[in-house]
């Protein structure tokens, strides 16, 4: 009687090749679903980091304008944005007192909707009254683009990513 209940040793405790393949397939599907969301999250973090650096510079310009009671500007060049007084008193001030360098990436685009001339210089002014010119700043960095629309009365940005 006992030999009818006999089973092969270890067959009940092991996985079959088919079960292993199904498990691997499920794990691959989960990883493939997670990668786009993780890469999107990382791109959003890079965009927010660039924006935060830029916004910190804008806040510094606003603070300097109010505390020193003279206009400050953010001035664009090919590789970045720097802060300086509108009317510098010496070469050191003219060179800028703060900077966000975008390196090999493009400096953000500056749109001044209240400009009276077409194609105004890329200079954004902060006034001693605690206001600034209305501006839209668009960063076209390929892996982390962003847009910030600054309110002229509060100097607060409305940040967005595509």
C-alpha atoms as a PDB file:
ATOM      1  CA  UNK A   1       0.000   0.000   0.000  1.00  0.00           C
ATOM      2  CA  UNK A   2       2.694   2.421   0.768  1.00  0.00           C
ATOM      3  CA  UNK A   3       4.262   2.309  -2.647  1.00  0.00           C
ATOM      4  CA  UNK A   4       1.120   3.918  -4.189  1.00  0.00           C
ATOM      5  CA  UNK A   5       1.606   7.044  -2.057  1.00  0.00           C
ATOM      6  CA  UNK A   6       5.238   7.374  -2.964  1.00  0.00           C
ATOM      7  CA  UNK A   7       6.256  10.545  -4.901  1.00  0.00           C
ATOM      8  CA  UNK A   8       9.501  11.672  -6.437  1.00  0.00           C
ATOM      9  CA  UNK A   9      11.708  13.482  -3.956  1.00  0.00           C
ATOM     10  CA  UNK A  10      11.741  17.287  -4.379  1.00  0.00           C
ATOM     11  CA  UNK A  11       9.135  17.629  -7.152  1.00  0.00           C
ATOM     12  CA  UNK A  12       6.567  19.302  -4.951  1.00  0.00           C
ATOM     13  CA  UNK A  13       9.024  21.864  -3.544  1.00  0.00           C
ATOM     14  CA  UNK A  14      10.469  23.065  -6.881  1.00  0.00           C
ATOM     15  CA  UNK A  15       9.157  25.452  -9.536  1.00  0.00           C
ATOM     16  CA  UNK A  16       8.711  24.297 -13.099  1.00  0.00           C
ATOM     17  CA  UNK A  17      10.424  26.053 -15.977  1.00  0.00           C
ATOM     18  CA  UNK A  18       7.070  27.427 -17.111  1.00  0.00           C
ATOM     19  CA  UNK A  19       6.366  28.946 -13.685  1.00  0.00           C
ATOM     20  CA  UNK A  20       9.805  30.575 -13.639  1.00  0.00           C
ATOM     21  CA  UNK A  21       9.256  32.050 -17.132  1.00  0.00           C
ATOM     22  CA  UNK A  22       5.866  33.454 -16.114  1.00  0.00           C
ATOM     23  CA  UNK A  23       7.345  35.012 -12.963  1.00  0.00           C
ATOM     24  CA  UNK A  24      10.191  36.612 -14.947  1.00  0.00           C
ATOM     25  CA  UNK A  25       7.722  37.905 -17.544  1.00  0.00           C
ATOM     26  CA  UNK A  26       5.593  39.532 -14.819  1.00  0.00           C
ATOM     27  CA  UNK A  27       8.652  41.182 -13.249  1.00  0.00           C
ATOM     28  CA  UNK A  28       9.732  42.538 -16.668  1.00  0.00           C
ATOM     29  CA  UNK A  29       6.233  43.965 -17.239  1.00  0.00           C
ATOM     30  CA  UNK A  30       6.299  45.709 -13.856  1.00  0.00           C
ATOM     31  CA  UNK A  31       9.733  47.198 -14.558  1.00  0.00           C
ATOM     32  CA  UNK A  32       8.661  48.383 -18.020  1.00  0.00           C
ATOM     33  CA  UNK A  33       5.633  50.103 -16.483  1.00  0.00           C
ATOM     34  CA  UNK A  34       7.733  51.777 -13.776  1.00  0.00           C
ATOM     35  CA  UNK A  35      10.565  53.139 -15.969  1.00  0.00           C
ATOM     36  CA  UNK A  36       8.539  55.880 -17.756  1.00  0.00           C
ATOM     37  CA  UNK A  37       7.081  57.178 -14.513  1.00  0.00           C
ATOM     38  CA  UNK A  38      10.511  57.219 -12.832  1.00  0.00           C
ATOM     39  CA  UNK A  39      12.158  58.972 -15.797  1.00  0.00           C
ATOM     40  CA  UNK A  40       9.314  61.519 -15.870  1.00  0.00           C
ATOM     41  CA  UNK A  41       9.780  62.125 -12.161  1.00  0.00           C
ATOM     42  CA  UNK A  42      13.541  62.628 -12.612  1.00  0.00           C
ATOM     43  CA  UNK A  43      13.020  65.053 -15.523  1.00  0.00           C
ATOM     44  CA  UNK A  44      10.533  67.021 -13.408  1.00  0.00           C
ATOM     45  CA  UNK A  45      13.078  67.172 -10.566  1.00  0.00           C
ATOM     46  CA  UNK A  46      15.771  68.498 -12.952  1.00  0.00           C
ATOM     47  CA  UNK A  47      13.340  71.144 -14.264  1.00  0.00           C
ATOM     48  CA  UNK A  48      12.424  72.210 -10.734  1.00  0.00           C
ATOM     49  CA  UNK A  49      16.107  72.434  -9.761  1.00  0.00           C
ATOM     50  CA  UNK A  50      16.891  74.745 -12.728  1.00  0.00           C
ATOM     51  CA  UNK A  51      13.796  76.800 -11.992  1.00  0.00           C
ATOM     52  CA  UNK A  52      14.666  77.083  -8.294  1.00  0.00           C
ATOM     53  CA  UNK A  53      18.162  78.369  -9.138  1.00  0.00           C
ATOM     54  CA  UNK A  54      16.681  80.928 -11.533  1.00  0.00           C
ATOM     55  CA  UNK A  55      13.899  81.962  -9.131  1.00  0.00           C
ATOM     56  CA  UNK A  56      16.421  82.392  -6.293  1.00  0.00           C
ATOM     57  CA  UNK A  57      18.363  84.799  -8.521  1.00  0.00           C
ATOM     58  CA  UNK A  58      15.157  86.713  -9.330  1.00  0.00           C
ATOM     59  CA  UNK A  59      14.325  86.959  -5.615  1.00  0.00           C
ATOM     60  CA  UNK A  60      17.852  88.194  -4.894  1.00  0.00           C
ATOM     61  CA  UNK A  61      17.451  90.914  -7.535  1.00  0.00           C
ATOM     62  CA  UNK A  62      14.107  91.961  -6.019  1.00  0.00           C
ATOM     63  CA  UNK A  63      15.576  92.026  -2.504  1.00  0.00           C
ATOM     64  CA  UNK A  64      18.619  94.052  -3.591  1.00  0.00           C
ATOM     65  CA  UNK A  65      16.395  96.545  -5.410  1.00  0.00           C
ATOM     66  CA  UNK A  66      14.273  97.144  -2.313  1.00  0.00           C
ATOM     67  CA  UNK A  67      17.074  97.197   0.273  1.00  0.00           C
ATOM     68  CA  UNK A  68      19.460  99.333  -1.799  1.00  0.00           C
ATOM     69  CA  UNK A  69      16.655 101.544  -3.171  1.00  0.00           C
ATOM     70  CA  UNK A  70      17.855 101.275  -6.761  1.00  0.00           C
ATOM     71  CA  UNK A  71      16.719  99.154  -9.715  1.00  0.00           C
ATOM     72  CA  UNK A  72      18.333  95.767 -10.286  1.00  0.00           C
ATOM     73  CA  UNK A  73      18.133  93.706 -13.450  1.00  0.00           C
ATOM     74  CA  UNK A  74      18.550  90.152 -14.584  1.00  0.00           C
ATOM     75  CA  UNK A  75      20.663  90.292 -17.729  1.00  0.00           C
ATOM     76  CA  UNK A  76      20.847  87.465 -20.269  1.00  0.00           C
ATOM     77  CA  UNK A  77      23.897  86.285 -22.182  1.00  0.00           C
ATOM     78  CA  UNK A  78      24.424  83.179 -24.327  1.00  0.00           C
ATOM     79  CA  UNK A  79      25.103  80.743 -21.482  1.00  0.00           C
ATOM     80  CA  UNK A  80      23.138  82.098 -18.555  1.00  0.00           C
ATOM     81  CA  UNK A  81      21.552  84.897 -16.589  1.00  0.00           C
ATOM     82  CA  UNK A  82      23.284  87.283 -14.206  1.00  0.00           C
ATOM     83  CA  UNK A  83      22.117  89.913 -11.725  1.00  0.00           C
ATOM     84  CA  UNK A  84      23.440  93.452 -11.613  1.00  0.00           C
ATOM     85  CA  UNK A  85      22.300  96.972 -10.718  1.00  0.00           C
ATOM     86  CA  UNK A  86      20.606  98.827 -13.575  1.00  0.00           C
ATOM     87  CA  UNK A  87      23.166 101.638 -13.164  1.00  0.00           C
ATOM     88  CA  UNK A  88      26.358  99.992 -11.843  1.00  0.00           C
ATOM     89  CA  UNK A  89      28.806 102.247 -10.009  1.00  0.00           C
ATOM     90  CA  UNK A  90      31.947 100.279 -10.905  1.00  0.00           C
ATOM     91  CA  UNK A  91      33.243  97.405 -13.065  1.00  0.00           C
ATOM     92  CA  UNK A  92      32.623  94.829 -10.342  1.00  0.00           C
ATOM     93  CA  UNK A  93      28.923  95.697 -10.222  1.00  0.00           C
ATOM     94  CA  UNK A  94      28.729  95.805 -14.026  1.00  0.00           C
ATOM     95  CA  UNK A  95      30.105  92.241 -14.172  1.00  0.00           C
ATOM     96  CA  UNK A  96      27.228  91.044 -12.018  1.00  0.00           C
ATOM     97  CA  UNK A  97      26.749  90.045  -8.416  1.00  0.00           C
ATOM     98  CA  UNK A  98      24.992  86.709  -8.955  1.00  0.00           C
ATOM     99  CA  UNK A  99      24.596  84.235 -11.798  1.00  0.00           C
ATOM    100  CA  UNK A 100      22.792  81.129 -12.955  1.00  0.00           C
ATOM    101  CA  UNK A 101      24.894  79.410 -15.583  1.00  0.00           C
ATOM    102  CA  UNK A 102      23.106  77.017 -17.913  1.00  0.00           C
ATOM    103  CA  UNK A 103      26.456  75.840 -19.297  1.00  0.00           C
ATOM    104  CA  UNK A 104      26.211  74.134 -22.650  1.00  0.00           C
ATOM    105  CA  UNK A 105      22.428  74.395 -22.430  1.00  0.00           C
ATOM    106  CA  UNK A 106      20.458  77.331 -23.727  1.00  0.00           C
ATOM    107  CA  UNK A 107      19.732  80.213 -21.396  1.00  0.00           C
ATOM    108  CA  UNK A 108      15.987  80.644 -20.873  1.00  0.00           C
ATOM    109  CA  UNK A 109      13.969  82.828 -23.197  1.00  0.00           C
ATOM    110  CA  UNK A 110      12.656  86.119 -21.784  1.00  0.00           C
ATOM    111  CA  UNK A 111       9.312  87.489 -22.974  1.00  0.00           C
ATOM    112  CA  UNK A 112       8.403  91.006 -21.886  1.00  0.00           C
ATOM    113  CA  UNK A 113       4.740  91.553 -22.845  1.00  0.00           C
ATOM    114  CA  UNK A 114       4.739  95.214 -21.706  1.00  0.00           C
ATOM    115  CA  UNK A 115       7.782  96.171 -23.815  1.00  0.00           C
ATOM    116  CA  UNK A 116       7.128  99.159 -26.072  1.00  0.00           C
ATOM    117  CA  UNK A 117       9.674  98.139 -28.709  1.00  0.00           C
ATOM    118  CA  UNK A 118       9.765  94.951 -30.733  1.00  0.00           C
ATOM    119  CA  UNK A 119      12.683  92.694 -29.730  1.00  0.00           C
ATOM    120  CA  UNK A 120      13.673  94.476 -26.499  1.00  0.00           C
ATOM    121  CA  UNK A 121      17.042  93.745 -24.889  1.00  0.00           C
ATOM    122  CA  UNK A 122      17.086  90.642 -22.711  1.00  0.00           C
ATOM    123  CA  UNK A 123      17.033  92.583 -19.454  1.00  0.00           C
ATOM    124  CA  UNK A 124      14.365  92.125 -16.769  1.00  0.00           C
ATOM    125  CA  UNK A 125      14.036  94.996 -14.284  1.00  0.00           C
ATOM    126  CA  UNK A 126      13.174  94.870 -10.577  1.00  0.00           C
ATOM    127  CA  UNK A 127      12.172  98.224  -9.062  1.00  0.00           C
ATOM    128  CA  UNK A 128      12.878  99.602  -5.552  1.00  0.00           C
ATOM    129  CA  UNK A 129       9.115  99.702  -4.948  1.00  0.00           C
ATOM    130  CA  UNK A 130       9.029  95.891  -4.726  1.00  0.00           C
ATOM    131  CA  UNK A 131       7.590  95.370  -8.189  1.00  0.00           C
ATOM    132  CA  UNK A 132       9.038  94.070 -11.434  1.00  0.00           C
ATOM    133  CA  UNK A 133       8.234  94.220 -15.103  1.00  0.00           C
ATOM    134  CA  UNK A 134       5.763  91.508 -16.105  1.00  0.00           C
ATOM    135  CA  UNK A 135       7.755  88.667 -17.629  1.00  0.00           C
ATOM    136  CA  UNK A 136       7.460  85.145 -18.917  1.00  0.00           C
ATOM    137  CA  UNK A 137      10.593  83.032 -18.704  1.00  0.00           C
ATOM    138  CA  UNK A 138      10.765  79.889 -20.839  1.00  0.00           C
ATOM    139  CA  UNK A 139      13.545  77.348 -20.364  1.00  0.00           C
ATOM    140  CA  UNK A 140      14.042  75.164 -23.451  1.00  0.00           C
ATOM    141  CA  UNK A 141      16.502  72.676 -21.923  1.00  0.00           C
ATOM    142  CA  UNK A 142      15.582  69.434 -23.761  1.00  0.00           C
ATOM    143  CA  UNK A 143      15.379  67.060 -20.802  1.00  0.00           C
ATOM    144  CA  UNK A 144      13.821  69.507 -18.335  1.00  0.00           C
ATOM    145  CA  UNK A 145      11.857  72.396 -19.927  1.00  0.00           C
ATOM    146  CA  UNK A 146       9.780  74.783 -17.822  1.00  0.00           C
ATOM    147  CA  UNK A 147       7.852  78.037 -18.015  1.00  0.00           C
ATOM    148  CA  UNK A 148       7.405  80.678 -15.319  1.00  0.00           C
ATOM    149  CA  UNK A 149       5.031  83.623 -15.624  1.00  0.00           C
ATOM    150  CA  UNK A 150       5.949  86.312 -13.097  1.00  0.00           C
ATOM    151  CA  UNK A 151       3.271  88.602 -11.683  1.00  0.00           C
ATOM    152  CA  UNK A 152       4.537  92.219 -11.753  1.00  0.00           C
ATOM    153  CA  UNK A 153       2.922  93.238  -8.453  1.00  0.00           C
ATOM    154  CA  UNK A 154       3.824  90.254  -6.288  1.00  0.00           C
ATOM    155  CA  UNK A 155       6.953  89.112  -8.188  1.00  0.00           C
ATOM    156  CA  UNK A 156       5.632  85.571  -7.671  1.00  0.00           C
ATOM    157  CA  UNK A 157       6.033  83.013 -10.475  1.00  0.00           C
ATOM    158  CA  UNK A 158       3.440  80.636 -11.844  1.00  0.00           C
ATOM    159  CA  UNK A 159       5.649  77.620 -12.634  1.00  0.00           C
ATOM    160  CA  UNK A 160       4.683  74.912 -15.105  1.00  0.00           C
ATOM    161  CA  UNK A 161       6.289  72.059 -17.005  1.00  0.00           C
ATOM    162  CA  UNK A 162       4.978  70.704 -20.301  1.00  0.00           C
END
